[in-house]
Amino acid sequence: MIYHHEVTGRIIRKLRIKKGLSQEVLSGLAGISRSHLAMIEAGTINASVDTLWRIAEALDMKLSELISMVEEDTGGSA
């Protein structure tokens, strides 16, 4: 199974926009820098489990829900 950090970033960006949050606000809620969030959303870096957990919580969802969305988007090959 291959982990697609690009897909994860795209999904986080989509969820953030859907909730009407700026990168500045979401990064503040998650306790990470805005530039770190921007790199995650762009798919240029691979976020740690801790960071993904914090982002998921800031988006008011479970990490497992976020991972499920990534798996669905990649056809189960996350």
PDB file of N, CA and C in Angstrom:
ATOM      1  N   MET A   1       0.834  -1.175   0.000  1.00  0.00           N
ATOM      2  CA  MET A   1       0.000   0.000   0.000  1.00  0.00           C
ATOM      3  C   MET A   1       0.886   1.250   0.000  1.00  0.00           C
ATOM      4  N   ILE A   2       0.573   2.193  -0.841  1.00  0.00           N
ATOM      5  CA  ILE A   2       1.339   3.429  -0.947  1.00  0.00           C
ATOM      6  C   ILE A   2       0.543   4.572  -0.329  1.00  0.00           C
ATOM      7  N   TYR A   3       1.225   5.364   0.501  1.00  0.00           N
ATOM      8  CA  TYR A   3       0.592   6.538   1.094  1.00  0.00           C
ATOM      9  C   TYR A   3       0.772   7.726   0.157  1.00  0.00           C
ATOM     10  N   HIS A   4      -0.330   8.363  -0.195  1.00  0.00           N
ATOM     11  CA  HIS A   4      -0.311   9.492  -1.124  1.00  0.00           C
ATOM     12  C   HIS A   4      -0.475  10.790  -0.352  1.00  0.00           C
ATOM     13  N   HIS A   5       0.640  11.423   0.020  1.00  0.00           N
ATOM     14  CA  HIS A   5       0.532  12.658   0.789  1.00  0.00           C
ATOM     15  C   HIS A   5      -0.045  13.798  -0.043  1.00  0.00           C
ATOM     16  N   GLU A   6       0.066  13.707  -1.355  1.00  0.00           N
ATOM     17  CA  GLU A   6      -0.533  14.725  -2.220  1.00  0.00           C
ATOM     18  C   GLU A   6      -2.052  14.695  -2.104  1.00  0.00           C
ATOM     19  N   VAL A   7      -2.621  13.497  -2.069  1.00  0.00           N
ATOM     20  CA  VAL A   7      -4.074  13.344  -1.930  1.00  0.00           C
ATOM     21  C   VAL A   7      -4.516  13.844  -0.556  1.00  0.00           C
ATOM     22  N   THR A   8      -3.754  13.522   0.458  1.00  0.00           N
ATOM     23  CA  THR A   8      -4.074  13.967   1.809  1.00  0.00           C
ATOM     24  C   THR A   8      -4.119  15.492   1.855  1.00  0.00           C
ATOM     25  N   GLY A   9      -3.134  16.132   1.266  1.00  0.00           N
ATOM     26  CA  GLY A   9      -3.106  17.591   1.239  1.00  0.00           C
ATOM     27  C   GLY A   9      -4.279  18.185   0.502  1.00  0.00           C
ATOM     28  N   ARG A  10      -4.623  17.574  -0.630  1.00  0.00           N
ATOM     29  CA  ARG A  10      -5.758  18.068  -1.417  1.00  0.00           C
ATOM     30  C   ARG A  10      -7.061  17.948  -0.629  1.00  0.00           C
ATOM     31  N   ILE A  11      -7.225  16.851   0.088  1.00  0.00           N
ATOM     32  CA  ILE A  11      -8.441  16.649   0.874  1.00  0.00           C
ATOM     33  C   ILE A  11      -8.500  17.627   2.040  1.00  0.00           C
ATOM     34  N   ILE A  12      -7.377  17.834   2.708  1.00  0.00           N
ATOM     35  CA  ILE A  12      -7.346  18.805   3.814  1.00  0.00           C
ATOM     36  C   ILE A  12      -7.721  20.189   3.297  1.00  0.00           C
ATOM     37  N   ARG A  13      -7.166  20.571   2.156  1.00  0.00           N
ATOM     38  CA  ARG A  13      -7.494  21.881   1.569  1.00  0.00           C
ATOM     39  C   ARG A  13      -8.985  21.979   1.261  1.00  0.00           C
ATOM     40  N   LYS A  14      -9.541  20.936   0.663  1.00  0.00           N
ATOM     41  CA  LYS A  14     -10.967  20.924   0.321  1.00  0.00           C
ATOM     42  C   LYS A  14     -11.837  21.057   1.576  1.00  0.00           C
ATOM     43  N   LEU A  15     -11.479  20.320   2.626  1.00  0.00           N
ATOM     44  CA  LEU A  15     -12.240  20.387   3.878  1.00  0.00           C
ATOM     45  C   LEU A  15     -12.121  21.766   4.532  1.00  0.00           C
ATOM     46  N   ARG A  16     -10.928  22.326   4.491  1.00  0.00           N
ATOM     47  CA  ARG A  16     -10.709  23.656   5.073  1.00  0.00           C
ATOM     48  C   ARG A  16     -11.567  24.698   4.380  1.00  0.00           C
ATOM     49  N   ILE A  17     -11.560  24.670   3.062  1.00  0.00           N
ATOM     50  CA  ILE A  17     -12.347  25.632   2.280  1.00  0.00           C
ATOM     51  C   ILE A  17     -13.837  25.421   2.525  1.00  0.00           C
ATOM     52  N   LYS A  18     -14.267  24.165   2.564  1.00  0.00           N
ATOM     53  CA  LYS A  18     -15.683  23.849   2.815  1.00  0.00           C
ATOM     54  C   LYS A  18     -16.151  24.421   4.157  1.00  0.00           C
ATOM     55  N   LYS A  19     -15.264  24.420   5.152  1.00  0.00           N
ATOM     56  CA  LYS A  19     -15.600  24.960   6.469  1.00  0.00           C
ATOM     57  C   LYS A  19     -15.409  26.471   6.537  1.00  0.00           C
ATOM     58  N   GLY A  20     -14.928  27.068   5.452  1.00  0.00           N
ATOM     59  CA  GLY A  20     -14.753  28.512   5.413  1.00  0.00           C
ATOM     60  C   GLY A  20     -13.581  29.010   6.244  1.00  0.00           C
ATOM     61  N   LEU A  21     -12.556  28.177   6.380  1.00  0.00           N
ATOM     62  CA  LEU A  21     -11.393  28.538   7.186  1.00  0.00           C
ATOM     63  C   LEU A  21     -10.222  28.930   6.296  1.00  0.00           C
ATOM     64  N   SER A  22      -9.486  29.932   6.710  1.00  0.00           N
ATOM     65  CA  SER A  22      -8.251  30.289   6.016  1.00  0.00           C
ATOM     66  C   SER A  22      -7.141  29.361   6.518  1.00  0.00           C
ATOM     67  N   GLN A  23      -6.036  29.341   5.809  1.00  0.00           N
ATOM     68  CA  GLN A  23      -4.887  28.562   6.276  1.00  0.00           C
ATOM     69  C   GLN A  23      -4.426  29.082   7.632  1.00  0.00           C
ATOM     70  N   GLU A  24      -4.471  30.386   7.804  1.00  0.00           N
ATOM     71  CA  GLU A  24      -4.048  30.998   9.060  1.00  0.00           C
ATOM     72  C   GLU A  24      -4.886  30.492  10.233  1.00  0.00           C
ATOM     73  N   VAL A  25      -6.196  30.442  10.045  1.00  0.00           N
ATOM     74  CA  VAL A  25      -7.095  29.998  11.122  1.00  0.00           C
ATOM     75  C   VAL A  25      -6.914  28.510  11.395  1.00  0.00           C
ATOM     76  N   LEU A  26      -6.926  27.690  10.348  1.00  0.00           N
ATOM     77  CA  LEU A  26      -6.794  26.246  10.560  1.00  0.00           C
ATOM     78  C   LEU A  26      -5.444  25.902  11.189  1.00  0.00           C
ATOM     79  N   SER A  27      -4.394  26.535  10.720  1.00  0.00           N
ATOM     80  CA  SER A  27      -3.080  26.243  11.301  1.00  0.00           C
ATOM     81  C   SER A  27      -3.043  26.643  12.773  1.00  0.00           C
ATOM     82  N   GLY A  28      -3.680  27.747  13.118  1.00  0.00           N
ATOM     83  CA  GLY A  28      -3.753  28.167  14.516  1.00  0.00           C
ATOM     84  C   GLY A  28      -4.516  27.171  15.365  1.00  0.00           C
ATOM     85  N   LEU A  29      -5.640  26.692  14.853  1.00  0.00           N
ATOM     86  CA  LEU A  29      -6.439  25.699  15.581  1.00  0.00           C
ATOM     87  C   LEU A  29      -5.673  24.387  15.765  1.00  0.00           C
ATOM     88  N   ALA A  30      -4.868  24.044  14.766  1.00  0.00           N
ATOM     89  CA  ALA A  30      -4.112  22.789  14.812  1.00  0.00           C
ATOM     90  C   ALA A  30      -2.779  22.937  15.545  1.00  0.00           C
ATOM     91  N   GLY A  31      -2.373  24.169  15.814  1.00  0.00           N
ATOM     92  CA  GLY A  31      -1.109  24.381  16.513  1.00  0.00           C
ATOM     93  C   GLY A  31       0.120  24.154  15.654  1.00  0.00           C
ATOM     94  N   ILE A  32      -0.014  24.442  14.354  1.00  0.00           N
ATOM     95  CA  ILE A  32       1.132  24.337  13.437  1.00  0.00           C
ATOM     96  C   ILE A  32       1.275  25.668  12.714  1.00  0.00           C
ATOM     97  N   SER A  33       2.400  25.870  12.056  1.00  0.00           N
ATOM     98  CA  SER A  33       2.587  27.126  11.334  1.00  0.00           C
ATOM     99  C   SER A  33       1.769  27.119  10.040  1.00  0.00           C
ATOM    100  N   ARG A  34       1.437  28.308   9.571  1.00  0.00           N
ATOM    101  CA  ARG A  34       0.678  28.426   8.330  1.00  0.00           C
ATOM    102  C   ARG A  34       1.491  27.880   7.164  1.00  0.00           C
ATOM    103  N   SER A  35       2.801  28.136   7.169  1.00  0.00           N
ATOM    104  CA  SER A  35       3.639  27.642   6.073  1.00  0.00           C
ATOM    105  C   SER A  35       3.697  26.115   6.066  1.00  0.00           C
ATOM    106  N   HIS A  36       3.681  25.499   7.247  1.00  0.00           N
ATOM    107  CA  HIS A  36       3.679  24.035   7.333  1.00  0.00           C
ATOM    108  C   HIS A  36       2.374  23.498   6.730  1.00  0.00           C
ATOM    109  N   LEU A  37       1.251  24.112   7.098  1.00  0.00           N
ATOM    110  CA  LEU A  37      -0.037  23.697   6.537  1.00  0.00           C
ATOM    111  C   LEU A  37      -0.049  23.890   5.020  1.00  0.00           C
ATOM    112  N   ALA A  38       0.502  24.995   4.551  1.00  0.00           N
ATOM    113  CA  ALA A  38       0.532  25.256   3.107  1.00  0.00           C
ATOM    114  C   ALA A  38       1.316  24.169   2.373  1.00  0.00           C
ATOM    115  N   MET A  39       2.441  23.739   2.958  1.00  0.00           N
ATOM    116  CA  MET A  39       3.236  22.683   2.330  1.00  0.00           C
ATOM    117  C   MET A  39       2.509  21.344   2.350  1.00  0.00           C
ATOM    118  N   ILE A  40       1.762  21.066   3.431  1.00  0.00           N
ATOM    119  CA  ILE A  40       0.967  19.832   3.499  1.00  0.00           C
ATOM    120  C   ILE A  40      -0.105  19.857   2.419  1.00  0.00           C
ATOM    121  N   GLU A  41      -0.822  20.976   2.330  1.00  0.00           N
ATOM    122  CA  GLU A  41      -1.885  21.090   1.322  1.00  0.00           C
ATOM    123  C   GLU A  41      -1.344  20.998  -0.097  1.00  0.00           C
ATOM    124  N   ALA A  42      -0.155  21.516  -0.319  1.00  0.00           N
ATOM    125  CA  ALA A  42       0.456  21.468  -1.654  1.00  0.00           C
ATOM    126  C   ALA A  42       1.031  20.093  -1.974  1.00  0.00           C
ATOM    127  N   GLY A  43       1.129  19.245  -0.969  1.00  0.00           N
ATOM    128  CA  GLY A  43       1.665  17.904  -1.181  1.00  0.00           C
ATOM    129  C   GLY A  43       3.171  17.863  -1.284  1.00  0.00           C
ATOM    130  N   THR A  44       3.839  18.916  -0.817  1.00  0.00           N
ATOM    131  CA  THR A  44       5.294  18.952  -0.916  1.00  0.00           C
ATOM    132  C   THR A  44       5.989  18.311   0.275  1.00  0.00           C
ATOM    133  N   ILE A  45       5.246  18.110   1.361  1.00  0.00           N
ATOM    134  CA  ILE A  45       5.821  17.412   2.515  1.00  0.00           C
ATOM    135  C   ILE A  45       4.850  16.341   2.992  1.00  0.00           C
ATOM    136  N   ASN A  46       5.401  15.417   3.728  1.00  0.00           N
ATOM    137  CA  ASN A  46       4.643  14.304   4.281  1.00  0.00           C
ATOM    138  C   ASN A  46       4.389  14.605   5.759  1.00  0.00           C
ATOM    139  N   ALA A  47       3.150  14.858   6.137  1.00  0.00           N
ATOM    140  CA  ALA A  47       2.822  15.212   7.512  1.00  0.00           C
ATOM    141  C   ALA A  47       2.918  13.999   8.434  1.00  0.00           C
ATOM    142  N   SER A  48       3.346  14.241   9.662  1.00  0.00           N
ATOM    143  CA  SER A  48       3.403  13.163  10.658  1.00  0.00           C
ATOM    144  C   SER A  48       1.989  12.804  11.110  1.00  0.00           C
ATOM    145  N   VAL A  49       1.872  11.659  11.734  1.00  0.00           N
ATOM    146  CA  VAL A  49       0.573  11.232  12.271  1.00  0.00           C
ATOM    147  C   VAL A  49       0.079  12.252  13.286  1.00  0.00           C
ATOM    148  N   ASP A  50       0.976  12.754  14.133  1.00  0.00           N
ATOM    149  CA  ASP A  50       0.597  13.756  15.134  1.00  0.00           C
ATOM    150  C   ASP A  50       0.022  15.000  14.464  1.00  0.00           C
ATOM    151  N   THR A  51       0.660  15.463  13.416  1.00  0.00           N
ATOM    152  CA  THR A  51       0.178  16.651  12.709  1.00  0.00           C
ATOM    153  C   THR A  51      -1.163  16.386  12.053  1.00  0.00           C
ATOM    154  N   LEU A  52      -1.316  15.232  11.411  1.00  0.00           N
ATOM    155  CA  LEU A  52      -2.601  14.892  10.793  1.00  0.00           C
ATOM    156  C   LEU A  52      -3.698  14.797  11.847  1.00  0.00           C
ATOM    157  N   TRP A  53      -3.359  14.247  13.012  1.00  0.00           N
ATOM    158  CA  TRP A  53      -4.315  14.140  14.108  1.00  0.00           C
ATOM    159  C   TRP A  53      -4.787  15.542  14.514  1.00  0.00           C
ATOM    160  N   ARG A  54      -3.846  16.462  14.656  1.00  0.00           N
ATOM    161  CA  ARG A  54      -4.170  17.823  15.081  1.00  0.00           C
ATOM    162  C   ARG A  54      -5.008  18.551  14.032  1.00  0.00           C
ATOM    163  N   ILE A  55      -4.692  18.334  12.769  1.00  0.00           N
ATOM    164  CA  ILE A  55      -5.470  18.956  11.691  1.00  0.00           C
ATOM    165  C   ILE A  55      -6.883  18.385  11.678  1.00  0.00           C
ATOM    166  N   ALA A  56      -7.001  17.066  11.805  1.00  0.00           N
ATOM    167  CA  ALA A  56      -8.325  16.435  11.825  1.00  0.00           C
ATOM    168  C   ALA A  56      -9.162  16.990  12.976  1.00  0.00           C
ATOM    169  N   GLU A  57      -8.571  17.083  14.156  1.00  0.00           N
ATOM    170  CA  GLU A  57      -9.301  17.642  15.301  1.00  0.00           C
ATOM    171  C   GLU A  57      -9.722  19.084  15.042  1.00  0.00           C
ATOM    172  N   ALA A  58      -8.844  19.869  14.436  1.00  0.00           N
ATOM    173  CA  ALA A  58      -9.160  21.260  14.121  1.00  0.00           C
ATOM    174  C   ALA A  58     -10.294  21.360  13.101  1.00  0.00           C
ATOM    175  N   LEU A  59     -10.424  20.324  12.268  1.00  0.00           N
ATOM    176  CA  LEU A  59     -11.514  20.269  11.289  1.00  0.00           C
ATOM    177  C   LEU A  59     -12.760  19.601  11.870  1.00  0.00           C
ATOM    178  N   ASP A  60     -12.713  19.298  13.166  1.00  0.00           N
ATOM    179  CA  ASP A  60     -13.828  18.678  13.888  1.00  0.00           C
ATOM    180  C   ASP A  60     -14.172  17.307  13.330  1.00  0.00           C
ATOM    181  N   MET A  61     -13.132  16.507  13.139  1.00  0.00           N
ATOM    182  CA  MET A  61     -13.332  15.150  12.663  1.00  0.00           C
ATOM    183  C   MET A  61     -12.278  14.244  13.288  1.00  0.00           C
ATOM    184  N   LYS A  62     -12.494  12.937  13.172  1.00  0.00           N
ATOM    185  CA  LYS A  62     -11.522  11.965  13.666  1.00  0.00           C
ATOM    186  C   LYS A  62     -10.456  11.740  12.600  1.00  0.00           C
ATOM    187  N   LEU A  63      -9.253  11.392  13.045  1.00  0.00           N
ATOM    188  CA  LEU A  63      -8.184  11.072  12.110  1.00  0.00           C
ATOM    189  C   LEU A  63      -8.606   9.922  11.199  1.00  0.00           C
ATOM    190  N   SER A  64      -9.318   8.947  11.754  1.00  0.00           N
ATOM    191  CA  SER A  64      -9.761   7.805  10.946  1.00  0.00           C
ATOM    192  C   SER A  64     -10.682   8.244   9.806  1.00  0.00           C
ATOM    193  N   GLU A  65     -11.478   9.281  10.037  1.00  0.00           N
ATOM    194  CA  GLU A  65     -12.350   9.798   8.974  1.00  0.00           C
ATOM    195  C   GLU A  65     -11.519  10.421   7.852  1.00  0.00           C
ATOM    196  N   LEU A  66     -10.499  11.175   8.245  1.00  0.00           N
ATOM    197  CA  LEU A  66      -9.622  11.793   7.251  1.00  0.00           C
ATOM    198  C   LEU A  66      -8.903  10.718   6.441  1.00  0.00           C
ATOM    199  N   ILE A  67      -8.383   9.721   7.112  1.00  0.00           N
ATOM    200  CA  ILE A  67      -7.681   8.628   6.422  1.00  0.00           C
ATOM    201  C   ILE A  67      -8.629   7.872   5.497  1.00  0.00           C
ATOM    202  N   SER A  68      -9.853   7.649   5.931  1.00  0.00           N
ATOM    203  CA  SER A  68     -10.845   6.979   5.081  1.00  0.00           C
ATOM    204  C   SER A  68     -11.101   7.770   3.808  1.00  0.00           C
ATOM    205  N   MET A  69     -11.150   9.091   3.931  1.00  0.00           N
ATOM    206  CA  MET A  69     -11.360   9.928   2.755  1.00  0.00           C
ATOM    207  C   MET A  69     -10.185   9.798   1.782  1.00  0.00           C
ATOM    208  N   VAL A  70      -8.979   9.727   2.317  1.00  0.00           N
ATOM    209  CA  VAL A  70      -7.791   9.548   1.475  1.00  0.00           C
ATOM    210  C   VAL A  70      -7.852   8.192   0.782  1.00  0.00           C
ATOM    211  N   GLU A  71      -8.205   7.154   1.527  1.00  0.00           N
ATOM    212  CA  GLU A  71      -8.300   5.815   0.949  1.00  0.00           C
ATOM    213  C   GLU A  71      -9.346   5.758  -0.156  1.00  0.00           C
ATOM    214  N   GLU A  72     -10.502   6.386   0.064  1.00  0.00           N
ATOM    215  CA  GLU A  72     -11.551   6.410  -0.948  1.00  0.00           C
ATOM    216  C   GLU A  72     -11.076   7.117  -2.212  1.00  0.00           C
ATOM    217  N   ASP A  73     -10.385   8.243  -2.025  1.00  0.00           N
ATOM    218  CA  ASP A  73      -9.921   9.022  -3.164  1.00  0.00           C
ATOM    219  C   ASP A  73      -8.864   8.289  -3.984  1.00  0.00           C
ATOM    220  N   THR A  74      -8.081   7.441  -3.325  1.00  0.00           N
ATOM    221  CA  THR A  74      -7.024   6.707  -4.031  1.00  0.00           C
ATOM    222  C   THR A  74      -7.461   5.293  -4.395  1.00  0.00           C
ATOM    223  N   GLY A  75      -8.728   5.009  -4.253  1.00  0.00           N
ATOM    224  CA  GLY A  75      -9.226   3.679  -4.593  1.00  0.00           C
ATOM    225  C   GLY A  75      -8.773   2.601  -3.651  1.00  0.00           C
ATOM    226  N   GLY A  76      -8.516   2.988  -2.393  1.00  0.00           N
ATOM    227  CA  GLY A  76      -8.122   2.016  -1.385  1.00  0.00           C
ATOM    228  C   GLY A  76      -6.649   1.680  -1.390  1.00  0.00           C
ATOM    229  N   SER A  77      -5.866   2.428  -2.184  1.00  0.00           N
ATOM    230  CA  SER A  77      -4.438   2.124  -2.234  1.00  0.00           C
ATOM    231  C   SER A  77      -3.602   3.113  -1.428  1.00  0.00           C
ATOM    232  N   ALA A  78      -4.215   3.685  -0.382  1.00  0.00           N
ATOM    233  CA  ALA A  78      -3.468   4.642   0.439  1.00  0.00           C
ATOM    234  C   ALA A  78      -2.471   3.846   1.211  1.00  0.00           C
TER     235      ALA A  78
END
